[in-house]
Each structure stands twice: as structure tokens, then as C-alpha cells.
PDB file of all heavy atoms in Angstrom:
ATOM      1  N   GLU A   1      -0.647 -25.661 -24.389  1.00  0.00           N
ATOM      2  CA  GLU A   1       0.521 -25.907 -23.568  1.00  0.00           C
ATOM      3  C   GLU A   1       1.009 -27.331 -23.754  1.00  0.00           C
ATOM      4  O   GLU A   1       0.242 -28.208 -23.946  1.00  0.00           O
ATOM      5  CB  GLU A   1       0.206 -25.697 -22.105  1.00  0.00           C
ATOM      6  CG  GLU A   1      -0.055 -24.220 -21.730  1.00  0.00           C
ATOM      7  CD  GLU A   1      -0.261 -24.089 -20.245  1.00  0.00           C
ATOM      8  OE1 GLU A   1       0.424 -24.756 -19.437  1.00  0.00           O
ATOM      9  OE2 GLU A   1      -1.069 -23.253 -19.950  1.00  0.00           O
ATOM     10  N   ARG A   2       2.261 -27.509 -23.681  1.00  0.00           N
ATOM     11  CA  ARG A   2       2.870 -28.841 -23.602  1.00  0.00           C
ATOM     12  C   ARG A   2       2.757 -29.330 -22.149  1.00  0.00           C
ATOM     13  O   ARG A   2       2.924 -28.550 -21.231  1.00  0.00           O
ATOM     14  CB  ARG A   2       4.332 -28.856 -24.068  1.00  0.00           C
ATOM     15  CG  ARG A   2       4.449 -28.526 -25.571  1.00  0.00           C
ATOM     16  CD  ARG A   2       5.888 -28.525 -25.906  1.00  0.00           C
ATOM     17  NE  ARG A   2       6.474 -27.344 -25.326  1.00  0.00           N
ATOM     18  CZ  ARG A   2       7.738 -26.887 -25.457  1.00  0.00           C
ATOM     19  NH1 ARG A   2       8.505 -27.569 -26.248  1.00  0.00           N
ATOM     20  NH2 ARG A   2       8.129 -25.790 -24.850  1.00  0.00           N
ATOM     21  N   PRO A   3       2.617 -30.522 -21.956  1.00  0.00           N
ATOM     22  CA  PRO A   3       2.456 -31.076 -20.629  1.00  0.00           C
ATOM     23  C   PRO A   3       3.647 -30.691 -19.691  1.00  0.00           C
ATOM     24  O   PRO A   3       3.420 -30.502 -18.492  1.00  0.00           O
ATOM     25  CB  PRO A   3       2.343 -32.625 -20.726  1.00  0.00           C
ATOM     26  CG  PRO A   3       1.871 -32.786 -22.103  1.00  0.00           C
ATOM     27  CD  PRO A   3       2.454 -31.620 -22.910  1.00  0.00           C
ATOM     28  N   SER A   4       4.786 -30.603 -20.244  1.00  0.00           N
ATOM     29  CA  SER A   4       5.965 -30.331 -19.398  1.00  0.00           C
ATOM     30  C   SER A   4       6.160 -28.830 -19.071  1.00  0.00           C
ATOM     31  O   SER A   4       7.049 -28.443 -18.273  1.00  0.00           O
ATOM     32  CB  SER A   4       7.272 -30.862 -20.046  1.00  0.00           C
ATOM     33  OG  SER A   4       7.451 -30.241 -21.308  1.00  0.00           O
ATOM     34  N   SER A   5       5.418 -27.933 -19.768  1.00  0.00           N
ATOM     35  CA  SER A   5       5.662 -26.545 -19.516  1.00  0.00           C
ATOM     36  C   SER A   5       4.913 -26.064 -18.354  1.00  0.00           C
ATOM     37  O   SER A   5       3.847 -26.593 -17.978  1.00  0.00           O
ATOM     38  CB  SER A   5       5.159 -25.720 -20.795  1.00  0.00           C
ATOM     39  OG  SER A   5       3.809 -25.837 -20.985  1.00  0.00           O
ATOM     40  N   PRO A   6       5.506 -25.091 -17.680  1.00  0.00           N
ATOM     41  CA  PRO A   6       4.852 -24.566 -16.446  1.00  0.00           C
ATOM     42  C   PRO A   6       3.505 -23.825 -16.856  1.00  0.00           C
ATOM     43  O   PRO A   6       3.411 -23.348 -17.968  1.00  0.00           O
ATOM     44  CB  PRO A   6       5.864 -23.587 -15.826  1.00  0.00           C
ATOM     45  CG  PRO A   6       6.764 -23.258 -16.982  1.00  0.00           C
ATOM     46  CD  PRO A   6       6.741 -24.382 -17.913  1.00  0.00           C
ATOM     47  N   PRO A   7       2.547 -23.760 -15.993  1.00  0.00           N
ATOM     48  CA  PRO A   7       1.358 -23.088 -16.241  1.00  0.00           C
ATOM     49  C   PRO A   7       1.546 -21.570 -16.512  1.00  0.00           C
ATOM     50  O   PRO A   7       2.412 -20.981 -15.863  1.00  0.00           O
ATOM     51  CB  PRO A   7       0.488 -23.255 -15.007  1.00  0.00           C
ATOM     52  CG  PRO A   7       1.381 -23.703 -13.924  1.00  0.00           C
ATOM     53  CD  PRO A   7       2.593 -24.290 -14.545  1.00  0.00           C
ATOM     54  N   VAL A   8       0.834 -20.976 -17.423  1.00  0.00           N
ATOM     55  CA  VAL A   8       0.949 -19.588 -17.748  1.00  0.00           C
ATOM     56  C   VAL A   8      -0.336 -18.882 -17.365  1.00  0.00           C
ATOM     57  O   VAL A   8      -1.402 -19.389 -17.628  1.00  0.00           O
ATOM     58  CB  VAL A   8       1.192 -19.416 -19.262  1.00  0.00           C
ATOM     59  CG1 VAL A   8       1.256 -17.914 -19.616  1.00  0.00           C
ATOM     60  CG2 VAL A   8       2.411 -20.091 -19.635  1.00  0.00           C
ATOM     61  N   ARG A   9      -0.217 -17.738 -16.717  1.00  0.00           N
ATOM     62  CA  ARG A   9      -1.404 -16.932 -16.375  1.00  0.00           C
ATOM     63  C   ARG A   9      -1.108 -15.499 -16.630  1.00  0.00           C
ATOM     64  O   ARG A   9       0.039 -15.018 -16.680  1.00  0.00           O
ATOM     65  CB  ARG A   9      -1.737 -17.198 -14.859  1.00  0.00           C
ATOM     66  CG  ARG A   9      -0.631 -16.771 -13.913  1.00  0.00           C
ATOM     67  CD  ARG A   9      -1.122 -16.880 -12.486  1.00  0.00           C
ATOM     68  NE  ARG A   9      -0.002 -16.677 -11.567  1.00  0.00           N
ATOM     69  CZ  ARG A   9       0.536 -15.416 -11.305  1.00  0.00           C
ATOM     70  NH1 ARG A   9       0.050 -14.373 -11.846  1.00  0.00           N
ATOM     71  NH2 ARG A   9       1.569 -15.262 -10.437  1.00  0.00           N
ATOM     72  N   PRO A  10      -2.101 -14.626 -16.760  1.00  0.00           N
ATOM     73  CA  PRO A  10      -1.840 -13.207 -16.867  1.00  0.00           C
ATOM     74  C   PRO A  10      -1.146 -12.639 -15.602  1.00  0.00           C
ATOM     75  O   PRO A  10      -1.420 -13.120 -14.466  1.00  0.00           O
ATOM     76  CB  PRO A  10      -3.266 -12.612 -17.060  1.00  0.00           C
ATOM     77  CG  PRO A  10      -4.123 -13.801 -17.378  1.00  0.00           C
ATOM     78  CD  PRO A  10      -3.464 -14.983 -16.780  1.00  0.00           C
ATOM     79  N   ALA A  11      -0.294 -11.667 -15.777  1.00  0.00           N
ATOM     80  CA  ALA A  11       0.344 -11.020 -14.658  1.00  0.00           C
ATOM     81  C   ALA A  11      -0.585 -10.181 -13.988  1.00  0.00           C
ATOM     82  O   ALA A  11      -1.408  -9.489 -14.576  1.00  0.00           O
ATOM     83  CB  ALA A  11       1.560 -10.208 -15.158  1.00  0.00           C
ATOM     84  N   GLY A  12      -0.572 -10.130 -12.680  1.00  0.00           N
ATOM     85  CA  GLY A  12      -1.382  -9.188 -11.830  1.00  0.00           C
ATOM     86  C   GLY A  12      -0.578  -8.309 -11.080  1.00  0.00           C
ATOM     87  O   GLY A  12       0.714  -8.389 -11.136  1.00  0.00           O
ATOM     88  N   GLU A  13      -1.194  -7.321 -10.398  1.00  0.00           N
ATOM     89  CA  GLU A  13      -0.400  -6.348  -9.606  1.00  0.00           C
ATOM     90  C   GLU A  13       0.529  -7.004  -8.610  1.00  0.00           C
ATOM     91  O   GLU A  13       1.550  -6.449  -8.300  1.00  0.00           O
ATOM     92  CB  GLU A  13      -1.356  -5.346  -8.941  1.00  0.00           C
ATOM     93  CG  GLU A  13      -1.984  -4.385  -9.919  1.00  0.00           C
ATOM     94  CD  GLU A  13      -2.755  -3.287  -9.232  1.00  0.00           C
ATOM     95  OE1 GLU A  13      -2.198  -2.710  -8.182  1.00  0.00           O
ATOM     96  OE2 GLU A  13      -3.792  -2.880  -9.749  1.00  0.00           O
ATOM     97  N   ASP A  14       0.147  -8.168  -8.081  1.00  0.00           N
ATOM     98  CA  ASP A  14       1.034  -8.863  -7.156  1.00  0.00           C
ATOM     99  C   ASP A  14       2.340  -9.324  -7.784  1.00  0.00           C
ATOM    100  O   ASP A  14       3.310  -9.602  -7.045  1.00  0.00           O
ATOM    101  CB  ASP A  14       0.297 -10.076  -6.482  1.00  0.00           C
ATOM    102  CG  ASP A  14      -0.873  -9.616  -5.546  1.00  0.00           C
ATOM    103  OD1 ASP A  14      -0.930  -8.425  -5.251  1.00  0.00           O
ATOM    104  OD2 ASP A  14      -1.676 -10.526  -5.268  1.00  0.00           O
ATOM    105  N   ASP A  15       2.406  -9.399  -9.078  1.00  0.00           N
ATOM    106  CA  ASP A  15       3.518  -9.862  -9.819  1.00  0.00           C
ATOM    107  C   ASP A  15       4.474  -8.776 -10.171  1.00  0.00           C
ATOM    108  O   ASP A  15       5.671  -8.958 -10.621  1.00  0.00           O
ATOM    109  CB  ASP A  15       3.167 -10.607 -11.026  1.00  0.00           C
ATOM    110  CG  ASP A  15       2.256 -11.781 -10.706  1.00  0.00           C
ATOM    111  OD1 ASP A  15       2.711 -12.632  -9.965  1.00  0.00           O
ATOM    112  OD2 ASP A  15       1.202 -11.918 -11.354  1.00  0.00           O
ATOM    113  N   PHE A  16       3.998  -7.476 -10.107  1.00  0.00           N
ATOM    114  CA  PHE A  16       4.813  -6.415 -10.689  1.00  0.00           C
ATOM    115  C   PHE A  16       6.267  -6.190 -10.135  1.00  0.00           C
ATOM    116  O   PHE A  16       7.207  -6.006 -10.825  1.00  0.00           O
ATOM    117  CB  PHE A  16       4.071  -5.074 -10.569  1.00  0.00           C
ATOM    118  CG  PHE A  16       2.834  -5.065 -11.498  1.00  0.00           C
ATOM    119  CD1 PHE A  16       1.848  -4.124 -11.283  1.00  0.00           C
ATOM    120  CD2 PHE A  16       2.729  -5.975 -12.573  1.00  0.00           C
ATOM    121  CE1 PHE A  16       0.769  -4.113 -12.117  1.00  0.00           C
ATOM    122  CE2 PHE A  16       1.567  -5.946 -13.352  1.00  0.00           C
ATOM    123  CZ  PHE A  16       0.560  -5.058 -13.132  1.00  0.00           C
ATOM    124  N   GLU A  17       6.328  -6.348  -8.751  1.00  0.00           N
ATOM    125  CA  GLU A  17       7.713  -6.225  -8.178  1.00  0.00           C
ATOM    126  C   GLU A  17       8.648  -7.313  -8.663  1.00  0.00           C
ATOM    127  O   GLU A  17       9.704  -7.019  -8.952  1.00  0.00           O
ATOM    128  CB  GLU A  17       7.622  -6.190  -6.647  1.00  0.00           C
ATOM    129  CG  GLU A  17       6.972  -4.942  -6.055  1.00  0.00           C
ATOM    130  CD  GLU A  17       7.703  -3.703  -6.500  1.00  0.00           C
ATOM    131  OE1 GLU A  17       8.969  -3.694  -6.497  1.00  0.00           O
ATOM    132  OE2 GLU A  17       7.069  -2.658  -6.732  1.00  0.00           O
ATOM    133  N   ALA A  18       8.148  -8.544  -8.746  1.00  0.00           N
ATOM    134  CA  ALA A  18       8.907  -9.620  -9.260  1.00  0.00           C
ATOM    135  C   ALA A  18       9.308  -9.471 -10.679  1.00  0.00           C
ATOM    136  O   ALA A  18      10.469  -9.675 -11.089  1.00  0.00           O
ATOM    137  CB  ALA A  18       8.234 -10.915  -9.125  1.00  0.00           C
ATOM    138  N   VAL A  19       8.426  -8.941 -11.508  1.00  0.00           N
ATOM    139  CA  VAL A  19       8.723  -8.589 -12.973  1.00  0.00           C
ATOM    140  C   VAL A  19       9.775  -7.515 -13.016  1.00  0.00           C
ATOM    141  O   VAL A  19      10.711  -7.606 -13.798  1.00  0.00           O
ATOM    142  CB  VAL A  19       7.437  -8.275 -13.733  1.00  0.00           C
ATOM    143  CG1 VAL A  19       7.735  -7.732 -15.087  1.00  0.00           C
ATOM    144  CG2 VAL A  19       6.489  -9.460 -13.809  1.00  0.00           C
ATOM    145  N   LEU A  20       9.555  -6.422 -12.239  1.00  0.00           N
ATOM    146  CA  LEU A  20      10.516  -5.360 -12.295  1.00  0.00           C
ATOM    147  C   LEU A  20      11.930  -5.869 -11.803  1.00  0.00           C
ATOM    148  O   LEU A  20      12.955  -5.393 -12.357  1.00  0.00           O
ATOM    149  CB  LEU A  20      10.065  -4.212 -11.440  1.00  0.00           C
ATOM    150  CG  LEU A  20       8.946  -3.314 -11.974  1.00  0.00           C
ATOM    151  CD1 LEU A  20       8.387  -2.398 -10.929  1.00  0.00           C
ATOM    152  CD2 LEU A  20       9.403  -2.531 -13.223  1.00  0.00           C
ATOM    153  N   ASP A  21      11.945  -6.729 -10.824  1.00  0.00           N
ATOM    154  CA  ASP A  21      13.202  -7.228 -10.329  1.00  0.00           C
ATOM    155  C   ASP A  21      13.905  -8.058 -11.418  1.00  0.00           C
ATOM    156  O   ASP A  21      15.092  -7.961 -11.615  1.00  0.00           O
ATOM    157  CB  ASP A  21      12.998  -8.049  -9.031  1.00  0.00           C
ATOM    158  CG  ASP A  21      14.275  -8.459  -8.420  1.00  0.00           C
ATOM    159  OD1 ASP A  21      15.179  -7.598  -8.195  1.00  0.00           O
ATOM    160  OD2 ASP A  21      14.417  -9.711  -8.103  1.00  0.00           O
ATOM    161  N   LEU A  22      13.132  -8.966 -12.030  1.00  0.00           N
ATOM    162  CA  LEU A  22      13.733  -9.784 -13.108  1.00  0.00           C
ATOM    163  C   LEU A  22      14.210  -8.917 -14.224  1.00  0.00           C
ATOM    164  O   LEU A  22      15.419  -9.095 -14.743  1.00  0.00           O
ATOM    165  CB  LEU A  22      12.709 -10.766 -13.631  1.00  0.00           C
ATOM    166  CG  LEU A  22      13.208 -11.613 -14.865  1.00  0.00           C
ATOM    167  CD1 LEU A  22      14.409 -12.451 -14.368  1.00  0.00           C
ATOM    168  CD2 LEU A  22      12.054 -12.523 -15.285  1.00  0.00           C
ATOM    169  N   ASP A  23      13.445  -7.941 -14.670  1.00  0.00           N
ATOM    170  CA  ASP A  23      13.920  -6.999 -15.728  1.00  0.00           C
ATOM    171  C   ASP A  23      15.120  -6.308 -15.347  1.00  0.00           C
ATOM    172  O   ASP A  23      16.061  -6.147 -16.112  1.00  0.00           O
ATOM    173  CB  ASP A  23      12.732  -6.084 -16.042  1.00  0.00           C
ATOM    174  CG  ASP A  23      13.126  -5.106 -17.116  1.00  0.00           C
ATOM    175  OD1 ASP A  23      13.447  -5.547 -18.255  1.00  0.00           O
ATOM    176  OD2 ASP A  23      13.053  -3.863 -16.904  1.00  0.00           O
ATOM    177  N   ARG A  24      15.250  -5.827 -14.112  1.00  0.00           N
ATOM    178  CA  ARG A  24      16.456  -5.073 -13.580  1.00  0.00           C
ATOM    179  C   ARG A  24      17.624  -6.040 -13.595  1.00  0.00           C
ATOM    180  O   ARG A  24      18.713  -5.590 -14.016  1.00  0.00           O
ATOM    181  CB  ARG A  24      16.108  -4.578 -12.154  1.00  0.00           C
ATOM    182  CG  ARG A  24      17.117  -3.604 -11.629  1.00  0.00           C
ATOM    183  CD  ARG A  24      16.684  -2.959 -10.331  1.00  0.00           C
ATOM    184  NE  ARG A  24      15.801  -3.669  -9.485  1.00  0.00           N
ATOM    185  CZ  ARG A  24      14.458  -3.439  -9.408  1.00  0.00           C
ATOM    186  NH1 ARG A  24      13.864  -2.445 -10.008  1.00  0.00           N
ATOM    187  NH2 ARG A  24      13.710  -4.162  -8.596  1.00  0.00           N
ATOM    188  N   GLN A  25      17.408  -7.209 -13.249  1.00  0.00           N
ATOM    189  CA  GLN A  25      18.552  -8.319 -13.224  1.00  0.00           C
ATOM    190  C   GLN A  25      19.048  -8.485 -14.625  1.00  0.00           C
ATOM    191  O   GLN A  25      20.263  -8.509 -14.883  1.00  0.00           O
ATOM    192  CB  GLN A  25      18.130  -9.552 -12.624  1.00  0.00           C
ATOM    193  CG  GLN A  25      17.931  -9.525 -11.098  1.00  0.00           C
ATOM    194  CD  GLN A  25      17.372 -10.845 -10.587  1.00  0.00           C
ATOM    195  OE1 GLN A  25      17.818 -11.899 -11.094  1.00  0.00           O
ATOM    196  NE2 GLN A  25      16.476 -10.754  -9.699  1.00  0.00           N
ATOM    197  N   VAL A  26      18.157  -8.612 -15.618  1.00  0.00           N
ATOM    198  CA  VAL A  26      18.497  -8.957 -16.958  1.00  0.00           C
ATOM    199  C   VAL A  26      19.072  -7.672 -17.722  1.00  0.00           C
ATOM    200  O   VAL A  26      20.050  -7.798 -18.394  1.00  0.00           O
ATOM    201  CB  VAL A  26      17.286  -9.499 -17.764  1.00  0.00           C
ATOM    202  CG1 VAL A  26      17.574  -9.657 -19.279  1.00  0.00           C
ATOM    203  CG2 VAL A  26      16.882 -10.892 -17.154  1.00  0.00           C
ATOM    204  N   SER A  27      18.395  -6.595 -17.540  1.00  0.00           N
ATOM    205  CA  SER A  27      18.767  -5.382 -18.340  1.00  0.00           C
ATOM    206  C   SER A  27      19.724  -4.457 -17.659  1.00  0.00           C
ATOM    207  O   SER A  27      20.270  -3.521 -18.281  1.00  0.00           O
ATOM    208  CB  SER A  27      17.460  -4.697 -18.772  1.00  0.00           C
ATOM    209  OG  SER A  27      16.881  -3.996 -17.650  1.00  0.00           O
ATOM    210  N   GLY A  28      19.773  -4.602 -16.386  1.00  0.00           N
ATOM    211  CA  GLY A  28      20.561  -3.567 -15.571  1.00  0.00           C
ATOM    212  C   GLY A  28      19.896  -2.226 -15.493  1.00  0.00           C
ATOM    213  O   GLY A  28      20.571  -1.191 -15.125  1.00  0.00           O
ATOM    214  N   THR A  29      18.619  -2.206 -15.747  1.00  0.00           N
ATOM    215  CA  THR A  29      17.899  -0.952 -15.765  1.00  0.00           C
ATOM    216  C   THR A  29      16.643  -1.033 -14.947  1.00  0.00           C
ATOM    217  O   THR A  29      15.852  -2.022 -15.013  1.00  0.00           O
ATOM    218  CB  THR A  29      17.479  -0.581 -17.208  1.00  0.00           C
ATOM    219  OG1 THR A  29      18.632  -0.624 -18.079  1.00  0.00           O
ATOM    220  CG2 THR A  29      16.813   0.755 -17.329  1.00  0.00           C
TER     221      THR A  29
END
């Protein structure tokens, strides 16, 4: 990682709704 990049971690079940919401916003699906 570069020092200025945000931390990256594996997605967990608590993240799924946020991932689905972002995907829906970007793809319209």
C-alpha cells in the first residue's frame, strides 16, 4: 500500500448491503 491509500480489508457479510447499494448506484441493476 502507498501511505496515502485507504486501508484495504476483505469484505465481510456486514459489508454486503453497502456493496450491493454501490453496485446498484453504478450499474442501475
